[in-house]
Amino acid sequence: MNRRKFLAASGAVAVGTSIGGVLAAEQKLDRIGIQLYTLRDQMAEDLPRTLDHVAAIGYDEVEFAGYFDVQPLQVLQHLENSGLKAPSAHLSLEVIRDTPQVAIDVARTIGHDYLVLAWLGPDQRQTIDQYSRHAEVCNRFGEQCRDAGIQFAYHNHEFEFQPIDGVLPMEVLLAETDPELVKFEIDIYWTRVARVDPFEYFDAHPGRFPLCHVKDMATDGSIADVGDGIIDFGTVFAASDQAGMQHYFVERDDPEDSLVTAERSFAAVSALRF
């Protein structure tokens, strides 16, 4: 597998074929995580039962997107009971900007290694000047996180790769944030939507992408369960050393049956060799 094949795969090659094509290779992921936003319906009903189910599927790690009114010490206890680790959690811009210490205190209690800015709302991404101001907020929060022994990161969608007045917001975020204070969580689905080569960013900013969202794309461009789409994740994972990737979280924003998605996606990622 190579970068050219990865880029050519859009709309042409099913990831199931790609998985079959790399079974003879030598490496596989030593731990697999899931972004719990995928299972938000289950989490809202019963957080501990959902964590137990995730662990029973075989996942090693989870990434939180809210705690559903469960207190941090209780979340920690449920994680310990299930045998899961939670290296990361998503936050809103408002939390990062307005109540940063609360977020850091929660993260330290639960044991998160990363706090991640999840997304920007439409009114927060109209101008390049806004992105420059966001970079300042990210640097400031990143410094607070560093002082607490936590790493801050930014999660991309497609809009960071859409030019505003001829400037790519992603380039602004990368250039105007401190590489030690602000890392990135690369979402491979959204880079594909934006028709961006993620390997160019891995090459230009080595080690800056410690987190990865493993989200597949159907032939019509919609989100699919991992293994049912066209993205060659084996080639992405093979670039982990260059990118700095350490944690890989399955995600689907719109599952018809979230538990089925979790099970099918885990099976597909587990089968990958690269």
C-alpha atoms as a PDB file:
ATOM      1  CA  MET A   1       0.000   0.000   0.000  1.00  0.00           C
ATOM      2  CA  ASN A   2       1.189   3.547  -0.720  1.00  0.00           C
ATOM      3  CA  ARG A   3      -0.042   7.102  -0.677  1.00  0.00           C
ATOM      4  CA  ARG A   4      -1.043   7.074  -4.329  1.00  0.00           C
ATOM      5  CA  LYS A   5      -3.267   4.067  -3.775  1.00  0.00           C
ATOM      6  CA  PHE A   6      -4.763   5.683  -0.675  1.00  0.00           C
ATOM      7  CA  LEU A   7      -5.706   8.805  -2.597  1.00  0.00           C
ATOM      8  CA  ALA A   8      -6.955   6.877  -5.628  1.00  0.00           C
ATOM      9  CA  ALA A   9      -9.192   4.733  -3.432  1.00  0.00           C
ATOM     10  CA  SER A  10     -11.836   7.427  -3.044  1.00  0.00           C
ATOM     11  CA  GLY A  11     -14.963   6.145  -4.735  1.00  0.00           C
ATOM     12  CA  ALA A  12     -13.102   3.238  -6.261  1.00  0.00           C
ATOM     13  CA  VAL A  13     -11.828   0.695  -3.731  1.00  0.00           C
ATOM     14  CA  ALA A  14     -13.721  -0.770  -0.807  1.00  0.00           C
ATOM     15  CA  VAL A  15     -11.809  -0.904   2.446  1.00  0.00           C
ATOM     16  CA  GLY A  16     -12.735  -4.562   2.776  1.00  0.00           C
ATOM     17  CA  THR A  17     -10.538  -5.194  -0.242  1.00  0.00           C
ATOM     18  CA  SER A  18      -7.822  -3.067   1.273  1.00  0.00           C
ATOM     19  CA  ILE A  19      -7.987  -5.040   4.491  1.00  0.00           C
ATOM     20  CA  GLY A  20      -7.673  -8.270   2.543  1.00  0.00           C
ATOM     21  CA  GLY A  21      -4.719  -6.828   0.686  1.00  0.00           C
ATOM     22  CA  VAL A  22      -2.694  -6.154   3.807  1.00  0.00           C
ATOM     23  CA  LEU A  23      -3.349  -9.258   5.885  1.00  0.00           C
ATOM     24  CA  ALA A  24       0.121 -10.560   5.116  1.00  0.00           C
ATOM     25  CA  ALA A  25       1.876  -7.467   6.474  1.00  0.00           C
ATOM     26  CA  GLU A  26       3.551  -7.406   9.852  1.00  0.00           C
ATOM     27  CA  GLN A  27       1.943  -4.761  12.067  1.00  0.00           C
ATOM     28  CA  LYS A  28      -1.412  -4.287  13.732  1.00  0.00           C
ATOM     29  CA  LEU A  29      -2.713  -1.806  16.280  1.00  0.00           C
ATOM     30  CA  ASP A  30      -1.813  -2.814  19.818  1.00  0.00           C
ATOM     31  CA  ARG A  31      -4.852  -0.989  21.214  1.00  0.00           C
ATOM     32  CA  ILE A  32      -8.109   0.213  19.691  1.00  0.00           C
ATOM     33  CA  GLY A  33     -10.378   2.926  21.041  1.00  0.00           C
ATOM     34  CA  ILE A  34     -13.814   4.312  20.317  1.00  0.00           C
ATOM     35  CA  GLN A  35     -15.144   7.869  20.502  1.00  0.00           C
ATOM     36  CA  LEU A  36     -18.142   7.552  22.798  1.00  0.00           C
ATOM     37  CA  TYR A  37     -20.091  10.109  20.764  1.00  0.00           C
ATOM     38  CA  THR A  38     -20.774   7.082  18.555  1.00  0.00           C
ATOM     39  CA  LEU A  39     -22.642   5.524  21.492  1.00  0.00           C
ATOM     40  CA  ARG A  40     -24.224   8.663  22.913  1.00  0.00           C
ATOM     41  CA  ASP A  41     -27.680   7.087  22.873  1.00  0.00           C
ATOM     42  CA  GLN A  42     -26.441   4.209  25.007  1.00  0.00           C
ATOM     43  CA  MET A  43     -24.347   6.494  27.222  1.00  0.00           C
ATOM     44  CA  ALA A  44     -27.366   8.656  27.995  1.00  0.00           C
ATOM     45  CA  GLU A  45     -29.321   5.602  29.144  1.00  0.00           C
ATOM     46  CA  ASP A  46     -26.644   3.794  31.148  1.00  0.00           C
ATOM     47  CA  LEU A  47     -23.028   4.937  31.167  1.00  0.00           C
ATOM     48  CA  PRO A  48     -21.513   2.032  33.152  1.00  0.00           C
ATOM     49  CA  ARG A  49     -23.349  -0.614  31.139  1.00  0.00           C
ATOM     50  CA  THR A  50     -22.180   1.023  27.914  1.00  0.00           C
ATOM     51  CA  LEU A  51     -18.554   0.995  29.072  1.00  0.00           C
ATOM     52  CA  ASP A  52     -18.897  -2.678  30.002  1.00  0.00           C
ATOM     53  CA  HIS A  53     -20.291  -3.435  26.557  1.00  0.00           C
ATOM     54  CA  VAL A  54     -17.456  -1.545  24.860  1.00  0.00           C
ATOM     55  CA  ALA A  55     -14.918  -3.527  26.877  1.00  0.00           C
ATOM     56  CA  ALA A  56     -16.676  -6.802  26.060  1.00  0.00           C
ATOM     57  CA  ILE A  57     -16.423  -6.027  22.332  1.00  0.00           C
ATOM     58  CA  GLY A  58     -12.666  -5.788  22.815  1.00  0.00           C
ATOM     59  CA  TYR A  59     -11.905  -2.081  22.892  1.00  0.00           C
ATOM     60  CA  ASP A  60      -9.030  -0.976  25.104  1.00  0.00           C
ATOM     61  CA  GLU A  61      -9.659   2.776  25.175  1.00  0.00           C
ATOM     62  CA  VAL A  62     -12.480   5.295  24.983  1.00  0.00           C
ATOM     63  CA  GLU A  63     -12.648   8.979  24.182  1.00  0.00           C
ATOM     64  CA  PHE A  64     -15.371  10.894  26.007  1.00  0.00           C
ATOM     65  CA  ALA A  65     -17.719  13.495  24.543  1.00  0.00           C
ATOM     66  CA  GLY A  66     -19.552  14.469  27.711  1.00  0.00           C
ATOM     67  CA  TYR A  67     -20.154  12.565  30.955  1.00  0.00           C
ATOM     68  CA  PHE A  68     -23.965  12.526  31.003  1.00  0.00           C
ATOM     69  CA  ASP A  69     -24.250  13.998  34.510  1.00  0.00           C
ATOM     70  CA  VAL A  70     -22.051  11.301  36.039  1.00  0.00           C
ATOM     71  CA  GLN A  71     -19.515  12.755  38.470  1.00  0.00           C
ATOM     72  CA  PRO A  72     -15.781  12.453  37.641  1.00  0.00           C
ATOM     73  CA  LEU A  73     -14.924  10.054  40.476  1.00  0.00           C
ATOM     74  CA  GLN A  74     -17.827   7.833  39.449  1.00  0.00           C
ATOM     75  CA  VAL A  75     -16.658   7.920  35.821  1.00  0.00           C
ATOM     76  CA  LEU A  76     -13.205   6.839  36.979  1.00  0.00           C
ATOM     77  CA  GLN A  77     -14.684   3.992  39.005  1.00  0.00           C
ATOM     78  CA  HIS A  78     -16.765   2.787  36.055  1.00  0.00           C
ATOM     79  CA  LEU A  79     -13.675   2.849  33.834  1.00  0.00           C
ATOM     80  CA  GLU A  80     -11.690   0.838  36.361  1.00  0.00           C
ATOM     81  CA  ASN A  81     -14.541  -1.655  36.721  1.00  0.00           C
ATOM     82  CA  SER A  82     -14.670  -2.163  32.950  1.00  0.00           C
ATOM     83  CA  GLY A  83     -10.901  -2.330  32.505  1.00  0.00           C
ATOM     84  CA  LEU A  84     -10.907   0.581  30.048  1.00  0.00           C
ATOM     85  CA  LYS A  85      -8.584   3.573  29.766  1.00  0.00           C
ATOM     86  CA  ALA A  86      -9.826   7.019  28.751  1.00  0.00           C
ATOM     87  CA  PRO A  87      -6.804   8.850  27.374  1.00  0.00           C
ATOM     88  CA  SER A  88      -8.846  11.634  25.792  1.00  0.00           C
ATOM     89  CA  ALA A  89     -11.985  13.758  26.036  1.00  0.00           C
ATOM     90  CA  HIS A  90     -13.646  16.318  23.762  1.00  0.00           C
ATOM     91  CA  LEU A  91     -14.549  19.813  24.891  1.00  0.00           C
ATOM     92  CA  SER A  92     -16.302  22.807  23.386  1.00  0.00           C
ATOM     93  CA  LEU A  93     -14.620  26.115  22.646  1.00  0.00           C
ATOM     94  CA  GLU A  94     -16.779  27.741  25.320  1.00  0.00           C
ATOM     95  CA  VAL A  95     -15.483  25.384  28.020  1.00  0.00           C
ATOM     96  CA  ILE A  96     -11.875  25.864  26.943  1.00  0.00           C
ATOM     97  CA  ARG A  97     -12.266  29.629  26.891  1.00  0.00           C
ATOM     98  CA  ASP A  98     -14.551  30.241  29.871  1.00  0.00           C
ATOM     99  CA  THR A  99     -14.025  27.417  32.406  1.00  0.00           C
ATOM    100  CA  PRO A 100     -10.604  25.930  31.605  1.00  0.00           C
ATOM    101  CA  GLN A 101      -9.662  24.988  35.149  1.00  0.00           C
ATOM    102  CA  VAL A 102     -12.866  23.024  35.658  1.00  0.00           C
ATOM    103  CA  ALA A 103     -12.102  20.975  32.540  1.00  0.00           C
ATOM    104  CA  ILE A 104      -8.534  20.366  33.680  1.00  0.00           C
ATOM    105  CA  ASP A 105      -9.615  19.307  37.160  1.00  0.00           C
ATOM    106  CA  VAL A 106     -12.113  16.821  35.702  1.00  0.00           C
ATOM    107  CA  ALA A 107      -9.483  15.461  33.326  1.00  0.00           C
ATOM    108  CA  ARG A 108      -6.993  14.933  36.138  1.00  0.00           C
ATOM    109  CA  THR A 109      -9.591  13.129  38.231  1.00  0.00           C
ATOM    110  CA  ILE A 110     -10.607  10.765  35.451  1.00  0.00           C
ATOM    111  CA  GLY A 111      -7.077  10.337  34.125  1.00  0.00           C
ATOM    112  CA  HIS A 112      -7.251  11.874  30.660  1.00  0.00           C
ATOM    113  CA  ASP A 113      -3.901  12.492  28.975  1.00  0.00           C
ATOM    114  CA  TYR A 114      -5.468  14.699  26.268  1.00  0.00           C
ATOM    115  CA  LEU A 115      -8.170  17.331  26.123  1.00  0.00           C
ATOM    116  CA  VAL A 116      -9.436  18.058  22.618  1.00  0.00           C
ATOM    117  CA  LEU A 117     -11.301  20.984  21.092  1.00  0.00           C
ATOM    118  CA  ALA A 118     -14.106  19.103  19.377  1.00  0.00           C
ATOM    119  CA  TRP A 119     -15.317  21.588  16.763  1.00  0.00           C
ATOM    120  CA  LEU A 120     -16.154  25.175  15.908  1.00  0.00           C
ATOM    121  CA  GLY A 121     -19.704  26.325  15.286  1.00  0.00           C
ATOM    122  CA  PRO A 122     -20.613  28.101  12.019  1.00  0.00           C
ATOM    123  CA  ASP A 123     -20.503  31.526  13.656  1.00  0.00           C
ATOM    124  CA  GLN A 124     -17.025  30.762  15.028  1.00  0.00           C
ATOM    125  CA  ARG A 125     -15.380  30.116  11.656  1.00  0.00           C
ATOM    126  CA  GLN A 126     -16.349  32.931   9.339  1.00  0.00           C
ATOM    127  CA  THR A 127     -13.017  34.763   9.065  1.00  0.00           C
ATOM    128  CA  ILE A 128      -9.296  34.082   9.238  1.00  0.00           C
ATOM    129  CA  ASP A 129      -9.080  36.596  12.061  1.00  0.00           C
ATOM    130  CA  GLN A 130     -11.391  34.368  14.079  1.00  0.00           C
ATOM    131  CA  TYR A 131      -9.030  31.438  13.528  1.00  0.00           C
ATOM    132  CA  SER A 132      -6.108  33.571  14.718  1.00  0.00           C
ATOM    133  CA  ARG A 133      -8.026  34.382  17.876  1.00  0.00           C
ATOM    134  CA  HIS A 134      -8.842  30.685  18.320  1.00  0.00           C
ATOM    135  CA  ALA A 135      -5.133  29.923  18.013  1.00  0.00           C
ATOM    136  CA  GLU A 136      -4.477  32.330  20.889  1.00  0.00           C
ATOM    137  CA  VAL A 137      -7.113  30.569  23.009  1.00  0.00           C
ATOM    138  CA  CYS A 138      -5.607  27.194  22.114  1.00  0.00           C
ATOM    139  CA  ASN A 139      -2.105  28.315  23.085  1.00  0.00           C
ATOM    140  CA  ARG A 140      -3.336  29.686  26.391  1.00  0.00           C
ATOM    141  CA  PHE A 141      -5.340  26.573  27.240  1.00  0.00           C
ATOM    142  CA  GLY A 142      -2.511  24.375  25.976  1.00  0.00           C
ATOM    143  CA  GLU A 143      -0.164  26.034  28.448  1.00  0.00           C
ATOM    144  CA  GLN A 144      -2.614  25.479  31.282  1.00  0.00           C
ATOM    145  CA  CYS A 145      -2.942  21.839  30.259  1.00  0.00           C
ATOM    146  CA  ARG A 146       0.834  21.395  30.087  1.00  0.00           C
ATOM    147  CA  ASP A 147       1.229  22.766  33.583  1.00  0.00           C
ATOM    148  CA  ALA A 148      -1.273  20.141  34.756  1.00  0.00           C
ATOM    149  CA  GLY A 149       0.458  17.287  32.932  1.00  0.00           C
ATOM    150  CA  ILE A 150      -2.111  17.113  30.121  1.00  0.00           C
ATOM    151  CA  GLN A 151      -1.725  17.604  26.367  1.00  0.00           C
ATOM    152  CA  PHE A 152      -4.172  19.776  24.446  1.00  0.00           C
ATOM    153  CA  ALA A 153      -5.206  18.932  20.861  1.00  0.00           C
ATOM    154  CA  TYR A 154      -7.481  20.253  18.113  1.00  0.00           C
ATOM    155  CA  HIS A 155      -9.852  17.983  16.161  1.00  0.00           C
ATOM    156  CA  ASN A 156     -10.401  18.818  12.493  1.00  0.00           C
ATOM    157  CA  HIS A 157     -13.458  18.694  10.279  1.00  0.00           C
ATOM    158  CA  GLU A 158     -13.586  19.568   6.593  1.00  0.00           C
ATOM    159  CA  PHE A 159     -14.046  23.309   7.061  1.00  0.00           C
ATOM    160  CA  GLU A 160     -10.479  23.891   8.277  1.00  0.00           C
ATOM    161  CA  PHE A 161      -9.350  22.934   4.775  1.00  0.00           C
ATOM    162  CA  GLN A 162     -11.720  25.302   2.963  1.00  0.00           C
ATOM    163  CA  PRO A 163      -9.967  28.580   2.073  1.00  0.00           C
ATOM    164  CA  ILE A 164     -11.182  31.906   3.420  1.00  0.00           C
ATOM    165  CA  ASP A 165      -9.893  34.838   1.382  1.00  0.00           C
ATOM    166  CA  GLY A 166      -7.321  32.494  -0.116  1.00  0.00           C
ATOM    167  CA  VAL A 167      -6.023  31.255   3.255  1.00  0.00           C
ATOM    168  CA  LEU A 168      -6.517  27.757   4.687  1.00  0.00           C
ATOM    169  CA  PRO A 169      -7.655  27.884   8.315  1.00  0.00           C
ATOM    170  CA  MET A 170      -5.749  24.673   9.043  1.00  0.00           C
ATOM    171  CA  GLU A 171      -2.527  26.364   8.018  1.00  0.00           C
ATOM    172  CA  VAL A 172      -3.308  29.245  10.373  1.00  0.00           C
ATOM    173  CA  LEU A 173      -3.956  26.885  13.259  1.00  0.00           C
ATOM    174  CA  LEU A 174      -0.758  24.953  12.614  1.00  0.00           C
ATOM    175  CA  ALA A 175       1.389  28.050  12.155  1.00  0.00           C
ATOM    176  CA  GLU A 176       0.005  30.164  14.984  1.00  0.00           C
ATOM    177  CA  THR A 177      -0.115  27.539  17.719  1.00  0.00           C
ATOM    178  CA  ASP A 178       2.905  26.300  19.652  1.00  0.00           C
ATOM    179  CA  PRO A 179       3.743  22.753  18.460  1.00  0.00           C
ATOM    180  CA  GLU A 180       4.466  21.694  22.023  1.00  0.00           C
ATOM    181  CA  LEU A 181       1.268  23.118  23.451  1.00  0.00           C
ATOM    182  CA  VAL A 182      -1.199  22.265  20.683  1.00  0.00           C
ATOM    183  CA  LYS A 183      -1.301  18.892  18.949  1.00  0.00           C
ATOM    184  CA  PHE A 184      -3.972  17.676  16.515  1.00  0.00           C
ATOM    185  CA  GLU A 185      -6.463  14.848  16.280  1.00  0.00           C
ATOM    186  CA  ILE A 186      -6.628  13.953  12.600  1.00  0.00           C
ATOM    187  CA  ASP A 187     -10.063  12.861  11.399  1.00  0.00           C
ATOM    188  CA  ILE A 188      -9.391  10.868   8.244  1.00  0.00           C
ATOM    189  CA  TYR A 189     -13.000  10.962   7.036  1.00  0.00           C
ATOM    190  CA  TRP A 190     -13.125  14.750   7.104  1.00  0.00           C
ATOM    191  CA  THR A 191      -9.786  15.082   5.330  1.00  0.00           C
ATOM    192  CA  ARG A 192     -11.243  12.879   2.587  1.00  0.00           C
ATOM    193  CA  VAL A 193     -14.373  15.030   2.404  1.00  0.00           C
ATOM    194  CA  ALA A 194     -12.092  18.054   1.971  1.00  0.00           C
ATOM    195  CA  ARG A 195     -10.032  16.171  -0.669  1.00  0.00           C
ATOM    196  CA  VAL A 196      -6.891  16.715   1.373  1.00  0.00           C
ATOM    197  CA  ASP A 197      -3.838  14.464   1.428  1.00  0.00           C
ATOM    198  CA  PRO A 198      -3.246  13.838   5.159  1.00  0.00           C
ATOM    199  CA  PHE A 199       0.258  12.553   4.434  1.00  0.00           C
ATOM    200  CA  GLU A 200       1.312  16.026   3.319  1.00  0.00           C
ATOM    201  CA  TYR A 201       0.467  17.256   6.795  1.00  0.00           C
ATOM    202  CA  PHE A 202       2.235  14.311   8.434  1.00  0.00           C
ATOM    203  CA  ASP A 203       5.346  15.156   6.394  1.00  0.00           C
ATOM    204  CA  ALA A 204       5.188  18.894   7.055  1.00  0.00           C
ATOM    205  CA  HIS A 205       4.351  18.583  10.764  1.00  0.00           C
ATOM    206  CA  PRO A 206       5.844  15.295  11.978  1.00  0.00           C
ATOM    207  CA  GLY A 207       4.776  14.140  15.393  1.00  0.00           C
ATOM    208  CA  ARG A 208       1.948  16.632  15.673  1.00  0.00           C
ATOM    209  CA  PHE A 209      -0.945  14.182  15.219  1.00  0.00           C
ATOM    210  CA  PRO A 210      -0.997  11.862  18.256  1.00  0.00           C
ATOM    211  CA  LEU A 211      -4.724  11.132  17.962  1.00  0.00           C
ATOM    212  CA  CYS A 212      -6.689   9.709  15.030  1.00  0.00           C
ATOM    213  CA  HIS A 213     -10.399   9.311  14.338  1.00  0.00           C
ATOM    214  CA  VAL A 214     -11.089   6.127  12.400  1.00  0.00           C
ATOM    215  CA  LYS A 215     -14.254   6.968  10.490  1.00  0.00           C
ATOM    216  CA  ASP A 216     -15.057   5.383   7.126  1.00  0.00           C
ATOM    217  CA  MET A 217     -16.642   6.829   3.965  1.00  0.00           C
ATOM    218  CA  ALA A 218     -19.284   5.149   1.803  1.00  0.00           C
ATOM    219  CA  THR A 219     -19.067   5.453  -1.991  1.00  0.00           C
ATOM    220  CA  ASP A 220     -21.668   8.246  -1.902  1.00  0.00           C
ATOM    221  CA  GLY A 221     -19.553  10.255   0.542  1.00  0.00           C
ATOM    222  CA  SER A 222     -21.624   9.558   3.645  1.00  0.00           C
ATOM    223  CA  ILE A 223     -20.218   8.061   6.839  1.00  0.00           C
ATOM    224  CA  ALA A 224     -20.013   4.270   7.022  1.00  0.00           C
ATOM    225  CA  ASP A 225     -19.050   1.655   9.577  1.00  0.00           C
ATOM    226  CA  VAL A 226     -15.331   0.980   9.416  1.00  0.00           C
ATOM    227  CA  GLY A 227     -14.790  -1.835   6.943  1.00  0.00           C
ATOM    228  CA  ASP A 228     -17.796  -0.949   4.791  1.00  0.00           C
ATOM    229  CA  GLY A 229     -16.266   2.068   3.089  1.00  0.00           C
ATOM    230  CA  ILE A 230     -13.498   3.180   0.766  1.00  0.00           C
ATOM    231  CA  ILE A 231     -10.818   4.481   3.145  1.00  0.00           C
ATOM    232  CA  ASP A 232      -7.574   2.517   3.315  1.00  0.00           C
ATOM    233  CA  PHE A 233      -6.789   2.853   7.001  1.00  0.00           C
ATOM    234  CA  GLY A 234      -3.861   0.458   6.780  1.00  0.00           C
ATOM    235  CA  THR A 235      -1.903   3.008   4.781  1.00  0.00           C
ATOM    236  CA  VAL A 236      -2.799   5.699   7.303  1.00  0.00           C
ATOM    237  CA  PHE A 237      -1.706   3.570  10.249  1.00  0.00           C
ATOM    238  CA  ALA A 238       1.542   2.712   8.482  1.00  0.00           C
ATOM    239  CA  ALA A 239       2.408   6.419   8.721  1.00  0.00           C
ATOM    240  CA  SER A 240       1.893   6.474  12.501  1.00  0.00           C
ATOM    241  CA  ASP A 241       5.544   7.053  13.359  1.00  0.00           C
ATOM    242  CA  GLN A 242       5.761  10.026  11.018  1.00  0.00           C
ATOM    243  CA  ALA A 243       2.466  11.493  12.205  1.00  0.00           C
ATOM    244  CA  GLY A 244       3.108  10.721  15.858  1.00  0.00           C
ATOM    245  CA  MET A 245      -0.147   8.742  16.163  1.00  0.00           C
ATOM    246  CA  GLN A 246      -0.578   6.884  19.442  1.00  0.00           C
ATOM    247  CA  HIS A 247      -4.344   6.559  19.923  1.00  0.00           C
ATOM    248  CA  TYR A 248      -6.950   5.466  17.374  1.00  0.00           C
ATOM    249  CA  PHE A 249     -10.655   6.018  18.014  1.00  0.00           C
ATOM    250  CA  VAL A 250     -13.394   4.445  15.910  1.00  0.00           C
ATOM    251  CA  GLU A 251     -16.219   6.904  15.327  1.00  0.00           C
ATOM    252  CA  ARG A 252     -19.494   7.182  13.464  1.00  0.00           C
ATOM    253  CA  ASP A 253     -21.584  10.331  13.824  1.00  0.00           C
ATOM    254  CA  ASP A 254     -24.856   8.859  12.598  1.00  0.00           C
ATOM    255  CA  PRO A 255     -25.114   5.132  13.410  1.00  0.00           C
ATOM    256  CA  GLU A 256     -28.411   3.382  12.783  1.00  0.00           C
ATOM    257  CA  ASP A 257     -27.542   0.951  15.578  1.00  0.00           C
ATOM    258  CA  SER A 258     -24.636   2.254  17.626  1.00  0.00           C
ATOM    259  CA  LEU A 259     -23.740  -1.074  19.236  1.00  0.00           C
ATOM    260  CA  VAL A 260     -23.688  -2.832  15.877  1.00  0.00           C
ATOM    261  CA  THR A 261     -21.465  -0.055  14.527  1.00  0.00           C
ATOM    262  CA  ALA A 262     -19.110  -0.478  17.485  1.00  0.00           C
ATOM    263  CA  GLU A 263     -18.910  -4.238  16.964  1.00  0.00           C
ATOM    264  CA  ARG A 264     -18.493  -4.178  13.177  1.00  0.00           C
ATOM    265  CA  SER A 265     -15.926  -1.396  13.248  1.00  0.00           C
ATOM    266  CA  PHE A 266     -13.872  -3.105  15.934  1.00  0.00           C
ATOM    267  CA  ALA A 267     -13.786  -6.311  13.891  1.00  0.00           C
ATOM    268  CA  ALA A 268     -12.600  -4.423  10.805  1.00  0.00           C
ATOM    269  CA  VAL A 269      -9.871  -2.487  12.597  1.00  0.00           C
ATOM    270  CA  SER A 270      -8.719  -5.612  14.421  1.00  0.00           C
ATOM    271  CA  ALA A 271      -8.279  -7.373  11.062  1.00  0.00           C
ATOM    272  CA  LEU A 272      -6.019  -4.668   9.651  1.00  0.00           C
ATOM    273  CA  ARG A 273      -2.364  -5.492   9.036  1.00  0.00           C
ATOM    274  CA  PHE A 274      -0.011  -2.903   7.646  1.00  0.00           C
END
